[in-house]
PDB file of N, CA and C in Angstrom:
ATOM      1  N   MET A   1     123.487  97.713  81.443  1.00  0.00           N
ATOM      2  CA  MET A   1     122.154  97.532  80.958  1.00  0.00           C
ATOM      3  C   MET A   1     120.957  96.998  82.003  1.00  0.00           C
ATOM      4  N   PHE A   2     119.912  97.368  82.288  1.00  0.00           N
ATOM      5  CA  PHE A   2     118.483  96.842  83.086  1.00  0.00           C
ATOM      6  C   PHE A   2     118.447  95.434  82.691  1.00  0.00           C
ATOM      7  N   LYS A   3     118.560  94.624  82.879  1.00  0.00           N
ATOM      8  CA  LYS A   3     117.725  92.824  82.623  1.00  0.00           C
ATOM      9  C   LYS A   3     116.615  93.128  83.650  1.00  0.00           C
ATOM     10  N   ASP A   4     115.144  92.645  83.134  1.00  0.00           N
ATOM     11  CA  ASP A   4     113.811  92.136  83.556  1.00  0.00           C
ATOM     12  C   ASP A   4     114.355  91.192  84.702  1.00  0.00           C
ATOM     13  N   TYR A   5     114.404  90.810  85.627  1.00  0.00           N
ATOM     14  CA  TYR A   5     114.432  90.213  86.780  1.00  0.00           C
ATOM     15  C   TYR A   5     113.278  89.106  86.810  1.00  0.00           C
ATOM     16  N   ARG A   6     112.099  89.461  86.245  1.00  0.00           N
ATOM     17  CA  ARG A   6     110.872  88.717  86.604  1.00  0.00           C
ATOM     18  C   ARG A   6     110.761  87.402  85.503  1.00  0.00           C
ATOM     19  N   LYS A   7     110.552  86.185  85.907  1.00  0.00           N
ATOM     20  CA  LYS A   7     110.507  84.910  85.362  1.00  0.00           C
ATOM     21  C   LYS A   7     109.027  84.872  84.325  1.00  0.00           C
ATOM     22  N   TYR A   8     108.173  85.670  84.689  1.00  0.00           N
ATOM     23  CA  TYR A   8     106.783  85.586  84.099  1.00  0.00           C
ATOM     24  C   TYR A   8     106.352  87.026  83.767  1.00  0.00           C
ATOM     25  N   GLN A   9     105.721  87.227  82.532  1.00  0.00           N
ATOM     26  CA  GLN A   9     105.039  88.740  81.632  1.00  0.00           C
ATOM     27  C   GLN A   9     103.711  89.153  83.247  1.00  0.00           C
ATOM     28  N   ARG A  10     103.766  90.659  83.510  1.00  0.00           N
ATOM     29  CA  ARG A  10     102.630  90.699  84.110  1.00  0.00           C
ATOM     30  C   ARG A  10     101.819  91.366  83.436  1.00  0.00           C
ATOM     31  N   TYR A  11     100.379  90.637  83.508  1.00  0.00           N
ATOM     32  CA  TYR A  11      99.506  91.258  82.980  1.00  0.00           C
ATOM     33  C   TYR A  11      98.531  92.571  83.661  1.00  0.00           C
ATOM     34  N   SER A  12      98.111  93.364  83.208  1.00  0.00           N
ATOM     35  CA  SER A  12      97.002  94.126  83.992  1.00  0.00           C
ATOM     36  C   SER A  12      95.579  93.230  83.601  1.00  0.00           C
ATOM     37  N   ILE A  13      94.932  93.641  85.402  1.00  0.00           N
ATOM     38  CA  ILE A  13      93.728  93.094  85.382  1.00  0.00           C
ATOM     39  C   ILE A  13      92.553  93.931  86.589  1.00  0.00           C
ATOM     40  N   LEU A  14      91.907  93.777  86.056  1.00  0.00           N
ATOM     41  CA  LEU A  14      90.808  94.563  87.082  1.00  0.00           C
ATOM     42  C   LEU A  14      89.711  93.872  87.665  1.00  0.00           C
ATOM     43  N   ALA A  15      90.035  93.376  89.019  1.00  0.00           N
ATOM     44  CA  ALA A  15      89.229  92.513  89.769  1.00  0.00           C
ATOM     45  C   ALA A  15      89.430  92.450  90.895  1.00  0.00           C
ATOM     46  N   SER A  16      87.876  92.262  91.969  1.00  0.00           N
ATOM     47  CA  SER A  16      88.023  92.376  93.171  1.00  0.00           C
ATOM     48  C   SER A  16      88.445  91.011  93.853  1.00  0.00           C
ATOM     49  N   ALA A  17      89.159  91.071  94.740  1.00  0.00           N
ATOM     50  CA  ALA A  17      89.606  89.393  95.345  1.00  0.00           C
ATOM     51  C   ALA A  17      89.551  90.127  97.104  1.00  0.00           C
ATOM     52  N   LYS A  18      89.532  88.210  97.830  1.00  0.00           N
ATOM     53  CA  LYS A  18      89.374  88.556  98.952  1.00  0.00           C
ATOM     54  C   LYS A  18      90.019  87.721  99.126  1.00  0.00           C
ATOM     55  N   ILE A  19      91.099  88.283 100.423  1.00  0.00           N
ATOM     56  CA  ILE A  19      92.431  87.619 100.568  1.00  0.00           C
ATOM     57  C   ILE A  19      92.566  87.152 101.797  1.00  0.00           C
ATOM     58  N   THR A  20      92.526  86.121 101.891  1.00  0.00           N
ATOM     59  CA  THR A  20      92.464  85.734 103.374  1.00  0.00           C
ATOM     60  C   THR A  20      93.683  84.971 104.200  1.00  0.00           C
ATOM     61  N   ARG A  21      93.887  86.031 105.158  1.00  0.00           N
ATOM     62  CA  ARG A  21      95.314  85.197 105.922  1.00  0.00           C
ATOM     63  C   ARG A  21      95.397  83.451 106.406  1.00  0.00           C
ATOM     64  N   ARG A  22      96.393  82.683 106.131  1.00  0.00           N
ATOM     65  CA  ARG A  22      96.462  81.386 106.733  1.00  0.00           C
ATOM     66  C   ARG A  22      97.791  80.984 107.703  1.00  0.00           C
ATOM     67  N   ASP A  23      97.584  82.347 108.505  1.00  0.00           N
ATOM     68  CA  ASP A  23      98.752  81.713 109.553  1.00  0.00           C
ATOM     69  C   ASP A  23      98.070  81.178 110.795  1.00  0.00           C
ATOM     70  N   GLU A  24      98.944  80.308 111.548  1.00  0.00           N
ATOM     71  CA  GLU A  24      98.808  80.359 112.606  1.00  0.00           C
ATOM     72  C   GLU A  24      97.114  80.110 113.124  1.00  0.00           C
ATOM     73  N   GLY A  25      96.327  79.780 112.186  1.00  0.00           N
ATOM     74  CA  GLY A  25      94.682  79.658 112.057  1.00  0.00           C
ATOM     75  C   GLY A  25      93.886  80.572 112.367  1.00  0.00           C
ATOM     76  N   SER A  26      94.926  81.800 111.868  1.00  0.00           N
ATOM     77  CA  SER A  26      93.816  83.487 111.659  1.00  0.00           C
ATOM     78  C   SER A  26      93.170  83.174 110.055  1.00  0.00           C
ATOM     79  N   GLN A  27      92.088  83.445 110.071  1.00  0.00           N
ATOM     80  CA  GLN A  27      91.000  83.304 109.262  1.00  0.00           C
ATOM     81  C   GLN A  27      90.540  84.735 108.430  1.00  0.00           C
ATOM     82  N   GLU A  28      91.381  85.826 109.497  1.00  0.00           N
ATOM     83  CA  GLU A  28      91.285  86.985 109.185  1.00  0.00           C
ATOM     84  C   GLU A  28      91.313  87.557 107.542  1.00  0.00           C
ATOM     85  N   SER A  29      90.313  88.488 106.450  1.00  0.00           N
ATOM     86  CA  SER A  29      90.529  88.477 105.335  1.00  0.00           C
ATOM     87  C   SER A  29      90.371  89.881 104.947  1.00  0.00           C
ATOM     88  N   LEU A  30      90.855  90.299 103.681  1.00  0.00           N
ATOM     89  CA  LEU A  30      90.331  91.981 103.429  1.00  0.00           C
ATOM     90  C   LEU A  30      90.337  91.558 101.864  1.00  0.00           C
ATOM     91  N   THR A  31      89.395  92.663 101.687  1.00  0.00           N
ATOM     92  CA  THR A  31      88.867  93.004 100.418  1.00  0.00           C
ATOM     93  C   THR A  31      89.792  93.815  99.190  1.00  0.00           C
ATOM     94  N   ALA A  32      90.199  93.182  98.142  1.00  0.00           N
ATOM     95  CA  ALA A  32      91.539  94.036  97.840  1.00  0.00           C
ATOM     96  C   ALA A  32      91.026  94.075  96.274  1.00  0.00           C
ATOM     97  N   GLN A  33      91.578  94.842  95.701  1.00  0.00           N
ATOM     98  CA  GLN A  33      91.778  95.334  94.264  1.00  0.00           C
ATOM     99  C   GLN A  33      92.744  95.171  93.286  1.00  0.00           C
ATOM    100  N   VAL A  34      92.947  93.901  92.721  1.00  0.00           N
ATOM    101  CA  VAL A  34      93.929  93.291  91.612  1.00  0.00           C
ATOM    102  C   VAL A  34      93.857  93.967  90.552  1.00  0.00           C
ATOM    103  N   SER A  35      95.307  94.704  90.416  1.00  0.00           N
ATOM    104  CA  SER A  35      96.024  95.237  89.447  1.00  0.00           C
ATOM    105  C   SER A  35      96.959  94.763  88.430  1.00  0.00           C
ATOM    106  N   THR A  36      97.591  93.499  88.683  1.00  0.00           N
ATOM    107  CA  THR A  36      98.752  93.272  87.600  1.00  0.00           C
ATOM    108  C   THR A  36      98.437  91.629  88.848  1.00  0.00           C
ATOM    109  N   ILE A  37      98.717  90.617  87.248  1.00  0.00           N
ATOM    110  CA  ILE A  37      98.726  89.304  87.761  1.00  0.00           C
ATOM    111  C   ILE A  37      99.837  88.668  86.461  1.00  0.00           C
ATOM    112  N   SER A  38     100.171  87.619  86.803  1.00  0.00           N
ATOM    113  CA  SER A  38     101.173  86.785  85.925  1.00  0.00           C
ATOM    114  C   SER A  38     100.929  85.213  86.784  1.00  0.00           C
ATOM    115  N   GLN A  39     101.903  84.352  86.113  1.00  0.00           N
ATOM    116  CA  GLN A  39     101.739  82.693  86.401  1.00  0.00           C
ATOM    117  C   GLN A  39     102.390  82.887  87.444  1.00  0.00           C
ATOM    118  N   GLY A  40     102.886  83.571  88.151  1.00  0.00           N
ATOM    119  CA  GLY A  40     103.791  83.508  89.535  1.00  0.00           C
ATOM    120  C   GLY A  40     103.500  84.126  90.706  1.00  0.00           C
ATOM    121  N   GLY A  41     102.569  85.547  90.562  1.00  0.00           N
ATOM    122  CA  GLY A  41     102.140  86.108  91.692  1.00  0.00           C
ATOM    123  C   GLY A  41     101.059  87.153  90.799  1.00  0.00           C
ATOM    124  N   MET A  42     100.557  88.085  91.875  1.00  0.00           N
ATOM    125  CA  MET A  42     100.161  89.156  91.423  1.00  0.00           C
ATOM    126  C   MET A  42     100.059  90.298  92.520  1.00  0.00           C
ATOM    127  N   GLY A  43      99.755  91.726  91.926  1.00  0.00           N
ATOM    128  CA  GLY A  43      99.842  92.693  93.067  1.00  0.00           C
ATOM    129  C   GLY A  43      98.444  93.056  92.861  1.00  0.00           C
ATOM    130  N   PHE A  44      98.372  93.947  94.308  1.00  0.00           N
ATOM    131  CA  PHE A  44      97.002  94.213  94.403  1.00  0.00           C
ATOM    132  C   PHE A  44      97.059  95.390  95.663  1.00  0.00           C
ATOM    133  N   TYR A  45      95.734  96.516  95.741  1.00  0.00           N
ATOM    134  CA  TYR A  45      95.726  97.329  96.568  1.00  0.00           C
ATOM    135  C   TYR A  45      94.681  96.821  97.201  1.00  0.00           C
ATOM    136  N   ALA A  46      94.855  97.596  98.770  1.00  0.00           N
ATOM    137  CA  ALA A  46      93.894  97.417  99.971  1.00  0.00           C
ATOM    138  C   ALA A  46      94.105  98.427 100.883  1.00  0.00           C
ATOM    139  N   ASN A  47      92.870  98.425 101.645  1.00  0.00           N
ATOM    140  CA  ASN A  47      93.320  99.927 103.106  1.00  0.00           C
ATOM    141  C   ASN A  47      94.084  99.347 104.374  1.00  0.00           C
ATOM    142  N   ALA A  48      94.413  98.306 104.215  1.00  0.00           N
ATOM    143  CA  ALA A  48      95.562  97.728 105.013  1.00  0.00           C
ATOM    144  C   ALA A  48      95.733  96.437 104.738  1.00  0.00           C
ATOM    145  N   SER A  49      97.364  96.618 105.409  1.00  0.00           N
ATOM    146  CA  SER A  49      98.407  96.091 104.902  1.00  0.00           C
ATOM    147  C   SER A  49      98.633  94.647 105.681  1.00  0.00           C
ATOM    148  N   LEU A  50      98.877  93.832 105.132  1.00  0.00           N
ATOM    149  CA  LEU A  50      99.553  92.535 105.856  1.00  0.00           C
ATOM    150  C   LEU A  50     101.140  92.144 105.740  1.00  0.00           C
ATOM    151  N   GLU A  51     101.733  91.733 106.659  1.00  0.00           N
ATOM    152  CA  GLU A  51     103.394  91.658 106.914  1.00  0.00           C
ATOM    153  C   GLU A  51     103.825  90.963 105.739  1.00  0.00           C
ATOM    154  N   LYS A  52     104.920  90.736 105.247  1.00  0.00           N
ATOM    155  CA  LYS A  52     105.867  90.377 104.377  1.00  0.00           C
ATOM    156  C   LYS A  52     105.618  88.805 104.863  1.00  0.00           C
ATOM    157  N   ALA A  53     105.511  88.122 104.474  1.00  0.00           N
ATOM    158  CA  ALA A  53     106.133  86.093 104.398  1.00  0.00           C
ATOM    159  C   ALA A  53     104.607  86.089 104.634  1.00  0.00           C
ATOM    160  N   THR A  54     103.506  86.559 105.238  1.00  0.00           N
ATOM    161  CA  THR A  54     102.144  85.931 105.578  1.00  0.00           C
ATOM    162  C   THR A  54     101.030  85.401 104.383  1.00  0.00           C
ATOM    163  N   ARG A  55     101.406  83.706 105.127  1.00  0.00           N
ATOM    164  CA  ARG A  55     100.410  82.828 104.347  1.00  0.00           C
ATOM    165  C   ARG A  55      98.888  83.722 103.673  1.00  0.00           C
ATOM    166  N   VAL A  56      99.145  83.174 102.672  1.00  0.00           N
ATOM    167  CA  VAL A  56      97.472  84.020 101.910  1.00  0.00           C
ATOM    168  C   VAL A  56      96.856  83.227 101.343  1.00  0.00           C
ATOM    169  N   ALA A  57      95.381  83.003 101.033  1.00  0.00           N
ATOM    170  CA  ALA A  57      94.472  82.537 100.144  1.00  0.00           C
ATOM    171  C   ALA A  57      93.886  83.677  99.072  1.00  0.00           C
ATOM    172  N   VAL A  58      94.184  83.147  97.881  1.00  0.00           N
ATOM    173  CA  VAL A  58      93.315  84.239  97.175  1.00  0.00           C
ATOM    174  C   VAL A  58      92.320  83.556  96.188  1.00  0.00           C
ATOM    175  N   GLU A  59      91.111  84.740  96.716  1.00  0.00           N
ATOM    176  CA  GLU A  59      89.733  83.973  96.129  1.00  0.00           C
ATOM    177  C   GLU A  59      89.033  85.232  95.339  1.00  0.00           C
ATOM    178  N   PHE A  60      88.682  85.127  93.833  1.00  0.00           N
ATOM    179  CA  PHE A  60      88.647  86.187  93.495  1.00  0.00           C
ATOM    180  C   PHE A  60      87.168  85.810  93.162  1.00  0.00           C
ATOM    181  N   LEU A  61      86.500  87.465  93.339  1.00  0.00           N
ATOM    182  CA  LEU A  61      84.872  87.648  93.522  1.00  0.00           C
ATOM    183  C   LEU A  61      84.196  88.224  92.240  1.00  0.00           C
ATOM    184  N   VAL A  62      84.965  88.377  91.466  1.00  0.00           N
ATOM    185  CA  VAL A  62      84.290  88.733  90.174  1.00  0.00           C
ATOM    186  C   VAL A  62      83.806  87.235  89.791  1.00  0.00           C
ATOM    187  N   ASP A  63      82.331  87.303  89.437  1.00  0.00           N
ATOM    188  CA  ASP A  63      81.693  85.988  88.620  1.00  0.00           C
ATOM    189  C   ASP A  63      82.535  85.195  87.179  1.00  0.00           C
ATOM    190  N   ALA A  64      83.133  85.821  86.631  1.00  0.00           N
ATOM    191  CA  ALA A  64      83.874  85.355  85.722  1.00  0.00           C
ATOM    192  C   ALA A  64      85.284  84.483  85.931  1.00  0.00           C
ATOM    193  N   LEU A  65      85.767  85.073  87.472  1.00  0.00           N
ATOM    194  CA  LEU A  65      86.717  84.419  88.153  1.00  0.00           C
ATOM    195  C   LEU A  65      86.954  83.677  88.642  1.00  0.00           C
ATOM    196  N   GLN A  66      85.351  83.279  89.504  1.00  0.00           N
ATOM    197  CA  GLN A  66      85.257  82.869  90.949  1.00  0.00           C
ATOM    198  C   GLN A  66      85.259  80.521  89.953  1.00  0.00           C
ATOM    199  N   GLY A  67      85.011  80.421  88.700  1.00  0.00           N
ATOM    200  CA  GLY A  67      85.549  78.886  88.674  1.00  0.00           C
ATOM    201  C   GLY A  67      87.065  78.734  88.757  1.00  0.00           C
ATOM    202  N   ILE A  68      87.944  79.805  88.782  1.00  0.00           N
ATOM    203  CA  ILE A  68      89.490  80.028  89.098  1.00  0.00           C
ATOM    204  C   ILE A  68      90.230  78.887  89.685  1.00  0.00           C
ATOM    205  N   GLY A  69      88.974  78.903  91.151  1.00  0.00           N
ATOM    206  CA  GLY A  69      89.255  78.557  92.655  1.00  0.00           C
ATOM    207  C   GLY A  69      90.252  79.784  93.360  1.00  0.00           C
ATOM    208  N   VAL A  70      90.941  78.629  94.363  1.00  0.00           N
ATOM    209  CA  VAL A  70      91.627  79.270  95.632  1.00  0.00           C
ATOM    210  C   VAL A  70      92.863  79.192  94.712  1.00  0.00           C
ATOM    211  N   LEU A  71      93.810  80.490  94.919  1.00  0.00           N
ATOM    212  CA  LEU A  71      95.163  80.642  95.002  1.00  0.00           C
ATOM    213  C   LEU A  71      96.033  80.909  96.277  1.00  0.00           C
ATOM    214  N   GLU A  72      96.745  80.225  96.294  1.00  0.00           N
ATOM    215  CA  GLU A  72      97.662  80.106  98.119  1.00  0.00           C
ATOM    216  C   GLU A  72      99.144  80.862  97.750  1.00  0.00           C
ATOM    217  N   GLY A  73      99.259  81.147  98.420  1.00  0.00           N
ATOM    218  CA  GLY A  73     101.096  82.317  98.190  1.00  0.00           C
ATOM    219  C   GLY A  73     100.999  82.840  99.599  1.00  0.00           C
ATOM    220  N   LYS A  74     102.105  83.817  99.761  1.00  0.00           N
ATOM    221  CA  LYS A  74     102.492  84.406 100.772  1.00  0.00           C
ATOM    222  C   LYS A  74     102.969  86.030 100.079  1.00  0.00           C
ATOM    223  N   ILE A  75     102.898  86.507 101.003  1.00  0.00           N
ATOM    224  CA  ILE A  75     102.898  88.375 100.491  1.00  0.00           C
ATOM    225  C   ILE A  75     104.971  88.603 100.359  1.00  0.00           C
ATOM    226  N   ALA A  76     104.670  88.934  99.491  1.00  0.00           N
ATOM    227  CA  ALA A  76     106.130  89.502  98.823  1.00  0.00           C
ATOM    228  C   ALA A  76     106.658  90.474  99.055  1.00  0.00           C
ATOM    229  N   SER A  77     105.851  91.685  99.358  1.00  0.00           N
ATOM    230  CA  SER A  77     106.076  93.100  99.162  1.00  0.00           C
ATOM    231  C   SER A  77     105.295  93.468  99.628  1.00  0.00           C
ATOM    232  N   VAL A  78     105.361  95.295 100.580  1.00  0.00           N
ATOM    233  CA  VAL A  78     104.407  95.621 100.685  1.00  0.00           C
ATOM    234  C   VAL A  78     104.918  97.309 100.495  1.00  0.00           C
ATOM    235  N   CYS A  79     104.137  98.121 100.067  1.00  0.00           N
ATOM    236  CA  CYS A  79     104.206  99.331 100.151  1.00  0.00           C
ATOM    237  C   CYS A  79     103.634 100.347 100.353  1.00  0.00           C
ATOM    238  N   SER A  80     103.339 101.166 100.828  1.00  0.00           N
ATOM    239  CA  SER A  80     102.278 102.514 101.608  1.00  0.00           C
ATOM    240  C   SER A  80     101.961 103.297 100.617  1.00  0.00           C
ATOM    241  N   GLN A  81     100.886 103.476  99.786  1.00  0.00           N
ATOM    242  CA  GLN A  81     100.097 104.372  98.953  1.00  0.00           C
ATOM    243  C   GLN A  81      99.403 105.285  99.722  1.00  0.00           C
ATOM    244  N   GLY A  82      99.787 106.163 100.370  1.00  0.00           N
ATOM    245  CA  GLY A  82      98.897 107.068 101.898  1.00  0.00           C
ATOM    246  C   GLY A  82      97.938 106.380 102.571  1.00  0.00           C
ATOM    247  N   ASN A  83      97.178 106.814 102.302  1.00  0.00           N
ATOM    248  CA  ASN A  83      95.911 105.311 103.127  1.00  0.00           C
ATOM    249  C   ASN A  83      96.067 104.053 102.725  1.00  0.00           C
ATOM    250  N   ASP A  84      96.509 104.113 101.267  1.00  0.00           N
ATOM    251  CA  ASP A  84      95.974 102.548 100.899  1.00  0.00           C
ATOM    252  C   ASP A  84      97.676 101.714 100.928  1.00  0.00           C
ATOM    253  N   TYR A  85      97.447 100.552 100.409  1.00  0.00           N
ATOM    254  CA  TYR A  85      98.635  99.557 100.465  1.00  0.00           C
ATOM    255  C   TYR A  85      98.748  98.994  99.371  1.00  0.00           C
ATOM    256  N   PHE A  86      99.868  98.876  98.436  1.00  0.00           N
ATOM    257  CA  PHE A  86     100.216  98.202  97.225  1.00  0.00           C
ATOM    258  C   PHE A  86     100.790  96.818  97.288  1.00  0.00           C
ATOM    259  N   MET A  87     100.508  95.465  97.602  1.00  0.00           N
ATOM    260  CA  MET A  87     101.115  94.521  98.102  1.00  0.00           C
ATOM    261  C   MET A  87     101.595  93.425  96.727  1.00  0.00           C
ATOM    262  N   GLY A  88     102.370  92.820  96.832  1.00  0.00           N
ATOM    263  CA  GLY A  88     102.550  91.540  95.986  1.00  0.00           C
ATOM    264  C   GLY A  88     102.487  90.094  96.559  1.00  0.00           C
ATOM    265  N   ILE A  89     101.800  89.182  95.944  1.00  0.00           N
ATOM    266  CA  ILE A  89     102.013  87.722  95.856  1.00  0.00           C
ATOM    267  C   ILE A  89     103.165  86.968  95.570  1.00  0.00           C
ATOM    268  N   ALA A  90     103.597  86.263  95.883  1.00  0.00           N
ATOM    269  CA  ALA A  90     103.863  84.842  95.312  1.00  0.00           C
ATOM    270  C   ALA A  90     103.421  83.941  95.639  1.00  0.00           C
ATOM    271  N   PHE A  91     102.675  83.517  94.290  1.00  0.00           N
ATOM    272  CA  PHE A  91     102.036  82.340  94.505  1.00  0.00           C
ATOM    273  C   PHE A  91     103.101  80.837  94.658  1.00  0.00           C
ATOM    274  N   ASP A  92     102.190  79.974  95.860  1.00  0.00           N
ATOM    275  CA  ASP A  92     103.093  78.897  96.242  1.00  0.00           C
ATOM    276  C   ASP A  92     103.297  77.828  94.867  1.00  0.00           C
ATOM    277  N   ARG A  93     102.314  77.576  93.829  1.00  0.00           N
ATOM    278  CA  ARG A  93     102.569  77.113  92.682  1.00  0.00           C
ATOM    279  C   ARG A  93     102.399  77.811  91.536  1.00  0.00           C
ATOM    280  N   GLU A  94     103.282  78.006  90.309  1.00  0.00           N
ATOM    281  CA  GLU A  94     102.928  78.250  89.535  1.00  0.00           C
ATOM    282  C   GLU A  94     101.595  78.243  88.517  1.00  0.00           C
ATOM    283  N   ILE A  95     100.707  78.921  88.522  1.00  0.00           N
ATOM    284  CA  ILE A  95      99.408  78.870  87.343  1.00  0.00           C
ATOM    285  C   ILE A  95      99.710  78.307  86.134  1.00  0.00           C
ATOM    286  N   SER A  96      98.979  77.081  85.959  1.00  0.00           N
ATOM    287  CA  SER A  96      99.257  76.770  84.552  1.00  0.00           C
ATOM    288  C   SER A  96      99.061  77.891  83.656  1.00  0.00           C
ATOM    289  N   TYR A  97      99.319  77.736  82.140  1.00  0.00           N
ATOM    290  CA  TYR A  97      99.194  78.538  81.298  1.00  0.00           C
ATOM    291  C   TYR A  97      97.688  78.338  80.967  1.00  0.00           C
ATOM    292  N   ASP A  98      97.452  77.431  80.439  1.00  0.00           N
ATOM    293  CA  ASP A  98      95.463  77.713  80.267  1.00  0.00           C
ATOM    294  C   ASP A  98      94.762  78.161  81.720  1.00  0.00           C
ATOM    295  N   ARG A  99      95.095  77.791  82.465  1.00  0.00           N
ATOM    296  CA  ARG A  99      94.617  78.202  83.935  1.00  0.00           C
ATOM    297  C   ARG A  99      94.492  79.957  83.964  1.00  0.00           C
ATOM    298  N   PHE A 100      95.597  80.592  83.155  1.00  0.00           N
ATOM    299  CA  PHE A 100      96.087  82.132  83.184  1.00  0.00           C
ATOM    300  C   PHE A 100      95.577  82.447  82.116  1.00  0.00           C
ATOM    301  N   VAL A 101      95.538  81.760  81.035  1.00  0.00           N
ATOM    302  CA  VAL A 101      94.961  82.362  80.027  1.00  0.00           C
ATOM    303  C   VAL A 101      93.594  82.899  80.289  1.00  0.00           C
ATOM    304  N   SER A 102      92.492  81.746  80.860  1.00  0.00           N
ATOM    305  CA  SER A 102      91.531  81.849  81.279  1.00  0.00           C
ATOM    306  C   SER A 102      91.116  83.116  82.325  1.00  0.00           C
ATOM    307  N   ILE A 103      92.275  83.625  83.270  1.00  0.00           N
ATOM    308  CA  ILE A 103      92.369  84.542  83.751  1.00  0.00           C
ATOM    309  C   ILE A 103      92.277  85.911  83.153  1.00  0.00           C
ATOM    310  N   ILE A 104      92.998  86.251  82.154  1.00  0.00           N
ATOM    311  CA  ILE A 104      93.393  87.138  81.421  1.00  0.00           C
ATOM    312  C   ILE A 104      92.623  87.781  80.451  1.00  0.00           C
ATOM    313  N   CYS A 105      91.990  86.930  80.379  1.00  0.00           N
ATOM    314  CA  CYS A 105      91.043  86.872  78.844  1.00  0.00           C
ATOM    315  C   CYS A 105      89.741  86.724  78.877  1.00  0.00           C
TER     316      CYS A 105
END
């Protein structure tokens, strides 16, 4: 029987975010469309890819979410979707429940 291996439930979300590369002094960034989020990570679409394990910072571009601050983590997965890419980020620290509720509500 299939067992869900995720620690936290994912939620659909429609938000733009700036993903900034944080390794070796690079400040390169790309704009992404966030599609799912959980307390432990998020999934997003972008028109350029980042390598797996790349350190990143996430800053939401939607007014209602800007107060959440910057979330840091690393690229956990990369999947080509035609001309775009779907990537997953594993956050360095889990988002607190209260902070998470403010994101998805």
